[in-house]
């Protein structure tokens, strides 16, 4: 047996809920009922499979002749990139 109750909702939330119910061709009561069922349902029953982010399959690596085991090579590479950025800014 269904029971009646009074629920106080923010006006904007109520307007959005009414619009959604109308768009789906259902009553506000059924929309609220489905929402409550989702909230009170057992978490394990409603858990979705965790989606892992995609991992890049791109190939690449260091430019030929770059050896990062030597810090001076790394510094030189950064300096060259910085100079190129400066040149681009002055054009």
Protein backbone atom coordinates (compact mmCIF):
# COMPACT_ATOMS: atom_id res chain seq x y z
CA UNK A 1 0.00 0.00 0.00
CA UNK A 2 1.37 3.40 -0.97
CA UNK A 3 1.76 5.99 1.72
CA UNK A 4 1.50 9.76 1.35
CA UNK A 5 4.15 12.10 2.70
CA UNK A 6 5.26 15.69 2.37
CA UNK A 7 8.72 16.42 1.04
CA UNK A 8 10.32 19.86 0.95
CA UNK A 9 12.58 20.43 -2.03
CA UNK A 10 14.42 23.50 -3.35
CA UNK A 11 12.31 25.19 -6.03
CA UNK A 12 14.89 24.79 -8.78
CA UNK A 13 15.32 21.07 -8.07
CA UNK A 14 11.56 20.56 -8.12
CA UNK A 15 11.22 22.43 -11.45
CA UNK A 16 13.99 20.33 -12.99
CA UNK A 17 12.44 17.11 -11.68
CA UNK A 18 9.02 18.03 -13.09
CA UNK A 19 10.55 18.84 -16.49
CA UNK A 20 12.46 15.53 -16.53
CA UNK A 21 9.37 13.54 -15.56
CA UNK A 22 7.32 15.25 -18.27
CA UNK A 23 10.03 14.70 -20.88
CA UNK A 24 10.10 10.99 -20.02
CA UNK A 25 6.29 10.74 -19.98
CA UNK A 26 6.06 9.70 -16.35
CA UNK A 27 4.85 11.09 -13.07
CA UNK A 28 6.94 13.05 -10.60
CA UNK A 29 6.13 10.36 -8.03
CA UNK A 30 7.64 7.61 -10.19
CA UNK A 31 10.76 9.71 -10.79
CA UNK A 32 11.24 10.31 -7.06
CA UNK A 33 10.51 6.64 -6.32
CA UNK A 34 13.19 5.46 -8.77
CA UNK A 35 15.68 7.93 -7.35
CA UNK A 36 15.05 6.80 -3.79
CA UNK A 37 15.36 3.15 -4.80
CA UNK A 38 18.80 3.88 -6.23
CA UNK A 39 19.92 5.67 -3.08
CA UNK A 40 18.70 3.08 -0.58
CA UNK A 41 19.66 0.03 -2.66
CA UNK A 42 22.54 -2.17 -1.58
CA UNK A 43 25.78 -0.60 -2.87
CA UNK A 44 27.16 -3.88 -4.18
CA UNK A 45 24.10 -4.53 -6.29
CA UNK A 46 24.39 -1.13 -7.96
CA UNK A 47 28.15 -1.05 -8.42
CA UNK A 48 29.36 -0.71 -11.96
CA UNK A 49 32.52 -2.14 -13.37
CA UNK A 50 35.36 0.31 -12.87
CA UNK A 51 36.50 1.78 -16.15
CA UNK A 52 40.23 2.26 -16.34
CA UNK A 53 41.69 5.13 -18.37
CA UNK A 54 43.15 4.26 -21.73
CA UNK A 55 46.88 3.77 -21.91
CA UNK A 56 48.73 5.28 -24.81
CA UNK A 57 50.21 2.87 -27.28
CA UNK A 58 52.26 5.61 -28.91
CA UNK A 59 55.85 4.84 -29.66
CA UNK A 60 58.64 7.29 -29.43
CA UNK A 61 61.16 8.12 -26.83
CA UNK A 62 64.21 10.26 -26.75
CA UNK A 63 65.61 12.00 -29.76
CA UNK A 64 68.64 10.31 -31.25
CA UNK A 65 71.80 11.29 -29.41
CA UNK A 66 70.05 12.34 -26.18
CA UNK A 67 71.30 10.57 -23.08
CA UNK A 68 69.39 11.54 -19.95
CA UNK A 69 71.90 9.84 -17.72
CA UNK A 70 74.07 12.88 -18.30
CA UNK A 71 72.39 15.91 -16.76
CA UNK A 72 74.29 18.33 -19.01
CA UNK A 73 72.61 16.77 -22.08
CA UNK A 74 69.22 17.26 -20.51
CA UNK A 75 70.03 20.86 -19.63
CA UNK A 76 71.22 21.53 -23.17
CA UNK A 77 68.02 20.11 -24.62
CA UNK A 78 65.93 22.35 -22.35
CA UNK A 79 68.03 25.39 -23.26
CA UNK A 80 67.53 24.74 -26.98
CA UNK A 81 63.76 24.42 -26.52
CA UNK A 82 63.71 27.64 -24.49
CA UNK A 83 65.61 29.51 -27.20
CA UNK A 84 63.15 28.25 -29.82
CA UNK A 85 60.21 29.49 -27.72
CA UNK A 86 61.87 32.88 -27.39
CA UNK A 87 62.42 33.06 -31.15
CA UNK A 88 58.74 32.26 -31.75
CA UNK A 89 57.72 35.06 -29.41
CA UNK A 90 59.80 37.69 -31.23
CA UNK A 91 58.43 37.00 -34.70
